[in-house]
Amino acid sequence: MADDREYAIINQRLVEKGDKERLRAILREQLIKSGWRDALKLECRRVVQEQGLDNISVDEIIKQVTPHARATIPSDVKQDLLNRIKEIVQNESDSF
């Protein structure tokens, strides 16, 4: 896996060229199409009902739901995003 410095450089390049925002939009669309977003909403509702609306903060909901959210991202969505990032990085390195 890339070290922190490599990650920072890649992230900076993605931001500078506008690719990061484009990738976020693609990811958001894929997650909606896959039903992940709706499933996550249901999980949030479940957590709130379990804890009680008056007994839980937004931060606590996020803390409880995040592991579930990360674990349930469809593999094909993760793989597509990874492939897109690899392609961008490869194109960047070819230009040097």
PDB file of N, CA and C in Angstrom:
ATOM      1  N   MET A   1       0.846  -1.187   0.000  1.00  0.00           N
ATOM      2  CA  MET A   1       0.000   0.000   0.000  1.00  0.00           C
ATOM      3  C   MET A   1       0.893   1.253   0.000  1.00  0.00           C
ATOM      4  N   ALA A   2       0.394   2.298  -0.571  1.00  0.00           N
ATOM      5  CA  ALA A   2       1.162   3.541  -0.674  1.00  0.00           C
ATOM      6  C   ALA A   2       1.395   4.132   0.712  1.00  0.00           C
ATOM      7  N   ASP A   3       2.557   4.747   0.896  1.00  0.00           N
ATOM      8  CA  ASP A   3       2.820   5.390   2.182  1.00  0.00           C
ATOM      9  C   ASP A   3       2.083   6.730   2.242  1.00  0.00           C
ATOM     10  N   ASP A   4       2.167   7.383   3.394  1.00  0.00           N
ATOM     11  CA  ASP A   4       1.424   8.627   3.609  1.00  0.00           C
ATOM     12  C   ASP A   4       1.809   9.717   2.617  1.00  0.00           C
ATOM     13  N   ARG A   5       3.075   9.803   2.290  1.00  0.00           N
ATOM     14  CA  ARG A   5       3.547  10.839   1.362  1.00  0.00           C
ATOM     15  C   ARG A   5       2.976  10.605  -0.042  1.00  0.00           C
ATOM     16  N   GLU A   6       3.006   9.355  -0.493  1.00  0.00           N
ATOM     17  CA  GLU A   6       2.451   9.034  -1.812  1.00  0.00           C
ATOM     18  C   GLU A   6       0.952   9.318  -1.849  1.00  0.00           C
ATOM     19  N   TYR A   7       0.274   8.928  -0.784  1.00  0.00           N
ATOM     20  CA  TYR A   7      -1.159   9.183  -0.698  1.00  0.00           C
ATOM     21  C   TYR A   7      -1.443  10.682  -0.783  1.00  0.00           C
ATOM     22  N   ALA A   8      -0.677  11.476  -0.056  1.00  0.00           N
ATOM     23  CA  ALA A   8      -0.868  12.932  -0.055  1.00  0.00           C
ATOM     24  C   ALA A   8      -0.645  13.513  -1.446  1.00  0.00           C
ATOM     25  N   ILE A   9       0.369  13.011  -2.148  1.00  0.00           N
ATOM     26  CA  ILE A   9       0.652  13.508  -3.499  1.00  0.00           C
ATOM     27  C   ILE A   9      -0.487  13.150  -4.447  1.00  0.00           C
ATOM     28  N   ILE A  10      -0.935  11.905  -4.384  1.00  0.00           N
ATOM     29  CA  ILE A  10      -2.035  11.464  -5.247  1.00  0.00           C
ATOM     30  C   ILE A  10      -3.294  12.276  -4.941  1.00  0.00           C
ATOM     31  N   ASN A  11      -3.595  12.443  -3.656  1.00  0.00           N
ATOM     32  CA  ASN A  11      -4.771  13.205  -3.260  1.00  0.00           C
ATOM     33  C   ASN A  11      -4.693  14.645  -3.761  1.00  0.00           C
ATOM     34  N   GLN A  12      -3.527  15.256  -3.632  1.00  0.00           N
ATOM     35  CA  GLN A  12      -3.351  16.634  -4.092  1.00  0.00           C
ATOM     36  C   GLN A  12      -3.590  16.740  -5.598  1.00  0.00           C
ATOM     37  N   ARG A  13      -3.051  15.790  -6.348  1.00  0.00           N
ATOM     38  CA  ARG A  13      -3.238  15.792  -7.802  1.00  0.00           C
ATOM     39  C   ARG A  13      -4.712  15.631  -8.176  1.00  0.00           C
ATOM     40  N   LEU A  14      -5.396  14.742  -7.465  1.00  0.00           N
ATOM     41  CA  LEU A  14      -6.819  14.522  -7.735  1.00  0.00           C
ATOM     42  C   LEU A  14      -7.619  15.791  -7.485  1.00  0.00           C
ATOM     43  N   VAL A  15      -7.281  16.495  -6.416  1.00  0.00           N
ATOM     44  CA  VAL A  15      -7.979  17.743  -6.084  1.00  0.00           C
ATOM     45  C   VAL A  15      -7.665  18.819  -7.118  1.00  0.00           C
ATOM     46  N   GLU A  16      -6.393  18.985  -7.445  1.00  0.00           N
ATOM     47  CA  GLU A  16      -5.971  20.033  -8.376  1.00  0.00           C
ATOM     48  C   GLU A  16      -6.624  19.880  -9.749  1.00  0.00           C
ATOM     49  N   LYS A  17      -6.752  18.674 -10.211  1.00  0.00           N
ATOM     50  CA  LYS A  17      -7.290  18.439 -11.556  1.00  0.00           C
ATOM     51  C   LYS A  17      -8.805  18.270 -11.576  1.00  0.00           C
ATOM     52  N   GLY A  18      -9.421  18.302 -10.401  1.00  0.00           N
ATOM     53  CA  GLY A  18     -10.871  18.157 -10.329  1.00  0.00           C
ATOM     54  C   GLY A  18     -11.343  16.717 -10.401  1.00  0.00           C
ATOM     55  N   ASP A  19     -10.398  15.772 -10.413  1.00  0.00           N
ATOM     56  CA  ASP A  19     -10.775  14.371 -10.507  1.00  0.00           C
ATOM     57  C   ASP A  19     -11.425  13.859  -9.222  1.00  0.00           C
ATOM     58  N   LYS A  20     -11.014  14.385  -8.091  1.00  0.00           N
ATOM     59  CA  LYS A  20     -11.566  13.909  -6.825  1.00  0.00           C
ATOM     60  C   LYS A  20     -13.067  14.183  -6.762  1.00  0.00           C
ATOM     61  N   GLU A  21     -13.465  15.368  -7.144  1.00  0.00           N
ATOM     62  CA  GLU A  21     -14.891  15.696  -7.115  1.00  0.00           C
ATOM     63  C   GLU A  21     -15.663  14.867  -8.146  1.00  0.00           C
ATOM     64  N   ARG A  22     -15.057  14.641  -9.314  1.00  0.00           N
ATOM     65  CA  ARG A  22     -15.691  13.817 -10.346  1.00  0.00           C
ATOM     66  C   ARG A  22     -15.849  12.380  -9.850  1.00  0.00           C
ATOM     67  N   LEU A  23     -14.817  11.850  -9.192  1.00  0.00           N
ATOM     68  CA  LEU A  23     -14.886  10.497  -8.645  1.00  0.00           C
ATOM     69  C   LEU A  23     -15.943  10.397  -7.542  1.00  0.00           C
ATOM     70  N   ARG A  24     -16.051  11.425  -6.726  1.00  0.00           N
ATOM     71  CA  ARG A  24     -17.090  11.443  -5.682  1.00  0.00           C
ATOM     72  C   ARG A  24     -18.484  11.394  -6.293  1.00  0.00           C
ATOM     73  N   ALA A  25     -18.684  12.152  -7.359  1.00  0.00           N
ATOM     74  CA  ALA A  25     -19.991  12.165  -8.017  1.00  0.00           C
ATOM     75  C   ALA A  25     -20.313  10.787  -8.600  1.00  0.00           C
ATOM     76  N   ILE A  26     -19.332  10.161  -9.207  1.00  0.00           N
ATOM     77  CA  ILE A  26     -19.529   8.817  -9.769  1.00  0.00           C
ATOM     78  C   ILE A  26     -19.835   7.829  -8.649  1.00  0.00           C
ATOM     79  N   LEU A  27     -19.064   7.908  -7.568  1.00  0.00           N
ATOM     80  CA  LEU A  27     -19.279   7.014  -6.429  1.00  0.00           C
ATOM     81  C   LEU A  27     -20.675   7.205  -5.850  1.00  0.00           C
ATOM     82  N   ARG A  28     -21.071   8.440  -5.657  1.00  0.00           N
ATOM     83  CA  ARG A  28     -22.397   8.743  -5.112  1.00  0.00           C
ATOM     84  C   ARG A  28     -23.488   8.130  -5.987  1.00  0.00           C
ATOM     85  N   GLU A  29     -23.357   8.295  -7.304  1.00  0.00           N
ATOM     86  CA  GLU A  29     -24.347   7.750  -8.242  1.00  0.00           C
ATOM     87  C   GLU A  29     -24.397   6.225  -8.164  1.00  0.00           C
ATOM     88  N   GLN A  30     -23.229   5.588  -8.107  1.00  0.00           N
ATOM     89  CA  GLN A  30     -23.188   4.131  -8.043  1.00  0.00           C
ATOM     90  C   GLN A  30     -23.785   3.605  -6.734  1.00  0.00           C
ATOM     91  N   LEU A  31     -23.517   4.299  -5.646  1.00  0.00           N
ATOM     92  CA  LEU A  31     -24.061   3.860  -4.361  1.00  0.00           C
ATOM     93  C   LEU A  31     -25.582   3.995  -4.328  1.00  0.00           C
ATOM     94  N   ILE A  32     -26.095   5.046  -4.938  1.00  0.00           N
ATOM     95  CA  ILE A  32     -27.545   5.227  -5.010  1.00  0.00           C
ATOM     96  C   ILE A  32     -28.153   4.129  -5.869  1.00  0.00           C
ATOM     97  N   LYS A  33     -27.572   3.884  -7.051  1.00  0.00           N
ATOM     98  CA  LYS A  33     -28.095   2.855  -7.964  1.00  0.00           C
ATOM     99  C   LYS A  33     -28.070   1.468  -7.341  1.00  0.00           C
ATOM    100  N   SER A  34     -27.061   1.201  -6.517  1.00  0.00           N
ATOM    101  CA  SER A  34     -26.919  -0.128  -5.920  1.00  0.00           C
ATOM    102  C   SER A  34     -27.893  -0.366  -4.767  1.00  0.00           C
ATOM    103  N   GLY A  35     -28.521   0.693  -4.282  1.00  0.00           N
ATOM    104  CA  GLY A  35     -29.424   0.577  -3.141  1.00  0.00           C
ATOM    105  C   GLY A  35     -28.714   0.737  -1.807  1.00  0.00           C
ATOM    106  N   TRP A  36     -27.409   0.966  -1.845  1.00  0.00           N
ATOM    107  CA  TRP A  36     -26.623   1.115  -0.626  1.00  0.00           C
ATOM    108  C   TRP A  36     -27.111   2.300   0.206  1.00  0.00           C
ATOM    109  N   ARG A  37     -27.381   3.394  -0.449  1.00  0.00           N
ATOM    110  CA  ARG A  37     -27.805   4.604   0.272  1.00  0.00           C
ATOM    111  C   ARG A  37     -29.119   4.367   1.016  1.00  0.00           C
ATOM    112  N   ASP A  38     -30.064   3.729   0.348  1.00  0.00           N
ATOM    113  CA  ASP A  38     -31.350   3.442   0.993  1.00  0.00           C
ATOM    114  C   ASP A  38     -31.169   2.481   2.170  1.00  0.00           C
ATOM    115  N   ALA A  39     -30.303   1.481   1.990  1.00  0.00           N
ATOM    116  CA  ALA A  39     -30.035   0.536   3.075  1.00  0.00           C
ATOM    117  C   ALA A  39     -29.380   1.245   4.254  1.00  0.00           C
ATOM    118  N   LEU A  40     -28.525   2.200   3.969  1.00  0.00           N
ATOM    119  CA  LEU A  40     -27.870   2.952   5.039  1.00  0.00           C
ATOM    120  C   LEU A  40     -28.878   3.825   5.789  1.00  0.00           C
ATOM    121  N   LYS A  41     -29.810   4.400   5.067  1.00  0.00           N
ATOM    122  CA  LYS A  41     -30.867   5.182   5.726  1.00  0.00           C
ATOM    123  C   LYS A  41     -31.657   4.300   6.688  1.00  0.00           C
ATOM    124  N   LEU A  42     -31.972   3.086   6.242  1.00  0.00           N
ATOM    125  CA  LEU A  42     -32.699   2.152   7.109  1.00  0.00           C
ATOM    126  C   LEU A  42     -31.883   1.793   8.344  1.00  0.00           C
ATOM    127  N   GLU A  43     -30.587   1.607   8.162  1.00  0.00           N
ATOM    128  CA  GLU A  43     -29.714   1.302   9.301  1.00  0.00           C
ATOM    129  C   GLU A  43     -29.691   2.476  10.283  1.00  0.00           C
ATOM    130  N   CYS A  44     -29.639   3.692   9.774  1.00  0.00           N
ATOM    131  CA  CYS A  44     -29.678   4.875  10.653  1.00  0.00           C
ATOM    132  C   CYS A  44     -30.984   4.910  11.433  1.00  0.00           C
ATOM    133  N   ARG A  45     -32.080   4.646  10.753  1.00  0.00           N
ATOM    134  CA  ARG A  45     -33.384   4.640  11.434  1.00  0.00           C
ATOM    135  C   ARG A  45     -33.421   3.569  12.521  1.00  0.00           C
ATOM    136  N   ARG A  46     -32.848   2.393  12.205  1.00  0.00           N
ATOM    137  CA  ARG A  46     -32.821   1.304  13.171  1.00  0.00           C
ATOM    138  C   ARG A  46     -32.052   1.718  14.429  1.00  0.00           C
ATOM    139  N   VAL A  47     -30.899   2.344  14.236  1.00  0.00           N
ATOM    140  CA  VAL A  47     -30.077   2.781  15.363  1.00  0.00           C
ATOM    141  C   VAL A  47     -30.830   3.813  16.190  1.00  0.00           C
ATOM    142  N   VAL A  48     -31.480   4.756  15.545  1.00  0.00           N
ATOM    143  CA  VAL A  48     -32.226   5.794  16.266  1.00  0.00           C
ATOM    144  C   VAL A  48     -33.380   5.171  17.041  1.00  0.00           C
ATOM    145  N   GLN A  49     -34.105   4.245  16.415  1.00  0.00           N
ATOM    146  CA  GLN A  49     -35.224   3.596  17.108  1.00  0.00           C
ATOM    147  C   GLN A  49     -34.734   2.771  18.293  1.00  0.00           C
ATOM    148  N   GLU A  50     -33.598   2.112  18.117  1.00  0.00           N
ATOM    149  CA  GLU A  50     -33.040   1.283  19.176  1.00  0.00           C
ATOM    150  C   GLU A  50     -32.594   2.124  20.372  1.00  0.00           C
ATOM    151  N   GLN A  51     -31.969   3.253  20.108  1.00  0.00           N
ATOM    152  CA  GLN A  51     -31.430   4.107  21.165  1.00  0.00           C
ATOM    153  C   GLN A  51     -32.449   5.117  21.690  1.00  0.00           C
ATOM    154  N   GLY A  52     -33.373   5.505  20.846  1.00  0.00           N
ATOM    155  CA  GLY A  52     -34.331   6.543  21.209  1.00  0.00           C
ATOM    156  C   GLY A  52     -33.840   7.892  20.716  1.00  0.00           C
ATOM    157  N   LEU A  53     -34.697   8.622  20.062  1.00  0.00           N
ATOM    158  CA  LEU A  53     -34.334   9.897  19.446  1.00  0.00           C
ATOM    159  C   LEU A  53     -33.718  10.881  20.440  1.00  0.00           C
ATOM    160  N   ASP A  54     -34.249  10.903  21.650  1.00  0.00           N
ATOM    161  CA  ASP A  54     -33.746  11.844  22.660  1.00  0.00           C
ATOM    162  C   ASP A  54     -32.463  11.373  23.330  1.00  0.00           C
ATOM    163  N   ASN A  55     -32.063  10.136  23.055  1.00  0.00           N
ATOM    164  CA  ASN A  55     -30.912   9.561  23.753  1.00  0.00           C
ATOM    165  C   ASN A  55     -29.686   9.389  22.855  1.00  0.00           C
ATOM    166  N   ILE A  56     -29.734   9.931  21.654  1.00  0.00           N
ATOM    167  CA  ILE A  56     -28.614   9.726  20.733  1.00  0.00           C
ATOM    168  C   ILE A  56     -28.337  11.008  19.956  1.00  0.00           C
ATOM    169  N   SER A  57     -27.071  11.274  19.728  1.00  0.00           N
ATOM    170  CA  SER A  57     -26.667  12.459  18.959  1.00  0.00           C
ATOM    171  C   SER A  57     -26.315  12.031  17.535  1.00  0.00           C
ATOM    172  N   VAL A  58     -26.214  13.001  16.670  1.00  0.00           N
ATOM    173  CA  VAL A  58     -25.809  12.729  15.296  1.00  0.00           C
ATOM    174  C   VAL A  58     -24.422  12.089  15.282  1.00  0.00           C
ATOM    175  N   ASP A  59     -23.516  12.592  16.108  1.00  0.00           N
ATOM    176  CA  ASP A  59     -22.170  12.025  16.179  1.00  0.00           C
ATOM    177  C   ASP A  59     -22.203  10.553  16.579  1.00  0.00           C
ATOM    178  N   GLU A  60     -23.075  10.209  17.509  1.00  0.00           N
ATOM    179  CA  GLU A  60     -23.187   8.818  17.956  1.00  0.00           C
ATOM    180  C   GLU A  60     -23.784   7.938  16.854  1.00  0.00           C
ATOM    181  N   ILE A  61     -24.740   8.454  16.116  1.00  0.00           N
ATOM    182  CA  ILE A  61     -25.302   7.701  14.985  1.00  0.00           C
ATOM    183  C   ILE A  61     -24.202   7.418  13.970  1.00  0.00           C
ATOM    184  N   ILE A  62     -23.434   8.440  13.649  1.00  0.00           N
ATOM    185  CA  ILE A  62     -22.332   8.277  12.686  1.00  0.00           C
ATOM    186  C   ILE A  62     -21.343   7.237  13.200  1.00  0.00           C
ATOM    187  N   LYS A  63     -20.987   7.322  14.462  1.00  0.00           N
ATOM    188  CA  LYS A  63     -20.032   6.382  15.060  1.00  0.00           C
ATOM    189  C   LYS A  63     -20.541   4.947  14.963  1.00  0.00           C
ATOM    190  N   GLN A  64     -21.825   4.750  15.189  1.00  0.00           N
ATOM    191  CA  GLN A  64     -22.391   3.407  15.168  1.00  0.00           C
ATOM    192  C   GLN A  64     -22.616   2.880  13.755  1.00  0.00           C
ATOM    193  N   VAL A  65     -22.954   3.751  12.824  1.00  0.00           N
ATOM    194  CA  VAL A  65     -23.323   3.316  11.477  1.00  0.00           C
ATOM    195  C   VAL A  65     -22.113   3.191  10.540  1.00  0.00           C
ATOM    196  N   THR A  66     -21.054   3.932  10.802  1.00  0.00           N
ATOM    197  CA  THR A  66     -19.902   3.943   9.893  1.00  0.00           C
ATOM    198  C   THR A  66     -19.316   2.559   9.609  1.00  0.00           C
ATOM    199  N   PRO A  67     -19.083   1.722  10.610  1.00  0.00           N
ATOM    200  CA  PRO A  67     -18.544   0.388  10.288  1.00  0.00           C
ATOM    201  C   PRO A  67     -19.465  -0.411   9.360  1.00  0.00           C
ATOM    202  N   HIS A  68     -20.760  -0.331   9.628  1.00  0.00           N
ATOM    203  CA  HIS A  68     -21.737  -1.014   8.768  1.00  0.00           C
ATOM    204  C   HIS A  68     -21.702  -0.433   7.358  1.00  0.00           C
ATOM    205  N   ALA A  69     -21.639   0.878   7.265  1.00  0.00           N
ATOM    206  CA  ALA A  69     -21.634   1.548   5.961  1.00  0.00           C
ATOM    207  C   ALA A  69     -20.433   1.111   5.136  1.00  0.00           C
ATOM    208  N   ARG A  70     -19.266   1.108   5.750  1.00  0.00           N
ATOM    209  CA  ARG A  70     -18.042   0.716   5.039  1.00  0.00           C
ATOM    210  C   ARG A  70     -18.078  -0.750   4.624  1.00  0.00           C
ATOM    211  N   ALA A  71     -18.590  -1.585   5.492  1.00  0.00           N
ATOM    212  CA  ALA A  71     -18.602  -3.025   5.232  1.00  0.00           C
ATOM    213  C   ALA A  71     -19.593  -3.424   4.147  1.00  0.00           C
ATOM    214  N   THR A  72     -20.580  -2.585   3.903  1.00  0.00           N
ATOM    215  CA  THR A  72     -21.633  -2.970   2.953  1.00  0.00           C
ATOM    216  C   THR A  72     -21.519  -2.290   1.590  1.00  0.00           C
ATOM    217  N   ILE A  73     -20.459  -1.538   1.359  1.00  0.00           N
ATOM    218  CA  ILE A  73     -20.251  -0.974   0.022  1.00  0.00           C
ATOM    219  C   ILE A  73     -20.039  -2.139  -0.936  1.00  0.00           C
ATOM    220  N   PRO A  74     -20.810  -2.204  -2.018  1.00  0.00           N
ATOM    221  CA  PRO A  74     -20.675  -3.328  -2.950  1.00  0.00           C
ATOM    222  C   PRO A  74     -19.260  -3.443  -3.519  1.00  0.00           C
ATOM    223  N   SER A  75     -18.793  -4.669  -3.635  1.00  0.00           N
ATOM    224  CA  SER A  75     -17.431  -4.931  -4.132  1.00  0.00           C
ATOM    225  C   SER A  75     -17.211  -4.354  -5.521  1.00  0.00           C
ATOM    226  N   ASP A  76     -18.224  -4.445  -6.387  1.00  0.00           N
ATOM    227  CA  ASP A  76     -18.045  -3.928  -7.742  1.00  0.00           C
ATOM    228  C   ASP A  76     -17.887  -2.410  -7.747  1.00  0.00           C
ATOM    229  N   VAL A  77     -18.521  -1.729  -6.803  1.00  0.00           N
ATOM    230  CA  VAL A  77     -18.379  -0.275  -6.702  1.00  0.00           C
ATOM    231  C   VAL A  77     -16.962   0.069  -6.231  1.00  0.00           C
ATOM    232  N   LYS A  78     -16.469  -0.664  -5.234  1.00  0.00           N
ATOM    233  CA  LYS A  78     -15.104  -0.441  -4.757  1.00  0.00           C
ATOM    234  C   LYS A  78     -14.095  -0.684  -5.882  1.00  0.00           C
ATOM    235  N   GLN A  79     -14.287  -1.786  -6.609  1.00  0.00           N
ATOM    236  CA  GLN A  79     -13.347  -2.152  -7.666  1.00  0.00           C
ATOM    237  C   GLN A  79     -13.359  -1.117  -8.794  1.00  0.00           C
ATOM    238  N   ASP A  80     -14.536  -0.635  -9.149  1.00  0.00           N
ATOM    239  CA  ASP A  80     -14.631   0.378 -10.204  1.00  0.00           C
ATOM    240  C   ASP A  80     -13.899   1.653  -9.790  1.00  0.00           C
ATOM    241  N   LEU A  81     -14.094   2.077  -8.548  1.00  0.00           N
ATOM    242  CA  LEU A  81     -13.419   3.283  -8.063  1.00  0.00           C
ATOM    243  C   LEU A  81     -11.907   3.086  -8.062  1.00  0.00           C
ATOM    244  N   LEU A  82     -11.456   1.944  -7.586  1.00  0.00           N
ATOM    245  CA  LEU A  82     -10.029   1.649  -7.578  1.00  0.00           C
ATOM    246  C   LEU A  82      -9.452   1.668  -8.990  1.00  0.00           C
ATOM    247  N   ASN A  83     -10.165   1.070  -9.936  1.00  0.00           N
ATOM    248  CA  ASN A  83      -9.699   1.058 -11.325  1.00  0.00           C
ATOM    249  C   ASN A  83      -9.614   2.468 -11.905  1.00  0.00           C
ATOM    250  N   ARG A  84     -10.579   3.295 -11.586  1.00  0.00           N
ATOM    251  CA  ARG A  84     -10.563   4.682 -12.069  1.00  0.00           C
ATOM    252  C   ARG A  84      -9.375   5.458 -11.487  1.00  0.00           C
ATOM    253  N   ILE A  85      -9.114   5.242 -10.203  1.00  0.00           N
ATOM    254  CA  ILE A  85      -7.976   5.923  -9.571  1.00  0.00           C
ATOM    255  C   ILE A  85      -6.666   5.429 -10.179  1.00  0.00           C
ATOM    256  N   LYS A  86      -6.547   4.130 -10.361  1.00  0.00           N
ATOM    257  CA  LYS A  86      -5.337   3.578 -10.978  1.00  0.00           C
ATOM    258  C   LYS A  86      -5.113   4.160 -12.368  1.00  0.00           C
ATOM    259  N   GLU A  87      -6.187   4.292 -13.129  1.00  0.00           N
ATOM    260  CA  GLU A  87      -6.089   4.853 -14.483  1.00  0.00           C
ATOM    261  C   GLU A  87      -5.602   6.297 -14.441  1.00  0.00           C
ATOM    262  N   ILE A  88      -6.132   7.071 -13.516  1.00  0.00           N
ATOM    263  CA  ILE A  88      -5.717   8.472 -13.377  1.00  0.00           C
ATOM    264  C   ILE A  88      -4.249   8.554 -12.992  1.00  0.00           C
ATOM    265  N   VAL A  89      -3.843   7.728 -12.025  1.00  0.00           N
ATOM    266  CA  VAL A  89      -2.451   7.729 -11.573  1.00  0.00           C
ATOM    267  C   VAL A  89      -1.543   7.286 -12.720  1.00  0.00           C
ATOM    268  N   GLN A  90      -1.945   6.279 -13.459  1.00  0.00           N
ATOM    269  CA  GLN A  90      -1.146   5.800 -14.583  1.00  0.00           C
ATOM    270  C   GLN A  90      -1.009   6.882 -15.645  1.00  0.00           C
ATOM    271  N   ASN A  91      -2.072   7.560 -15.960  1.00  0.00           N
ATOM    272  CA  ASN A  91      -2.025   8.646 -16.943  1.00  0.00           C
ATOM    273  C   ASN A  91      -1.128   9.779 -16.468  1.00  0.00           C
ATOM    274  N   GLU A  92      -1.155  10.056 -15.174  1.00  0.00           N
ATOM    275  CA  GLU A  92      -0.285  11.085 -14.597  1.00  0.00           C
ATOM    276  C   GLU A  92       1.185  10.689 -14.742  1.00  0.00           C
ATOM    277  N   SER A  93       1.484   9.426 -14.430  1.00  0.00           N
ATOM    278  CA  SER A  93       2.881   9.001 -14.493  1.00  0.00           C
ATOM    279  C   SER A  93       3.372   8.907 -15.933  1.00  0.00           C
ATOM    280  N   ASP A  94       2.478   8.650 -16.879  1.00  0.00           N
ATOM    281  CA  ASP A  94       2.861   8.617 -18.296  1.00  0.00           C
ATOM    282  C   ASP A  94       3.205   9.994 -18.831  1.00  0.00           C
ATOM    283  N   SER A  95       2.669  11.032 -18.201  1.00  0.00           N
ATOM    284  CA  SER A  95       2.899  12.390 -18.687  1.00  0.00           C
ATOM    285  C   SER A  95       4.243  12.960 -18.236  1.00  0.00           C
ATOM    286  N   PHE A  96       4.964  12.227 -17.387  1.00  0.00           N
ATOM    287  CA  PHE A  96       6.273  12.712 -16.925  1.00  0.00           C
ATOM    288  C   PHE A  96       7.378  12.154 -17.749  1.00  0.00           C
TER     289      PHE A  96
END
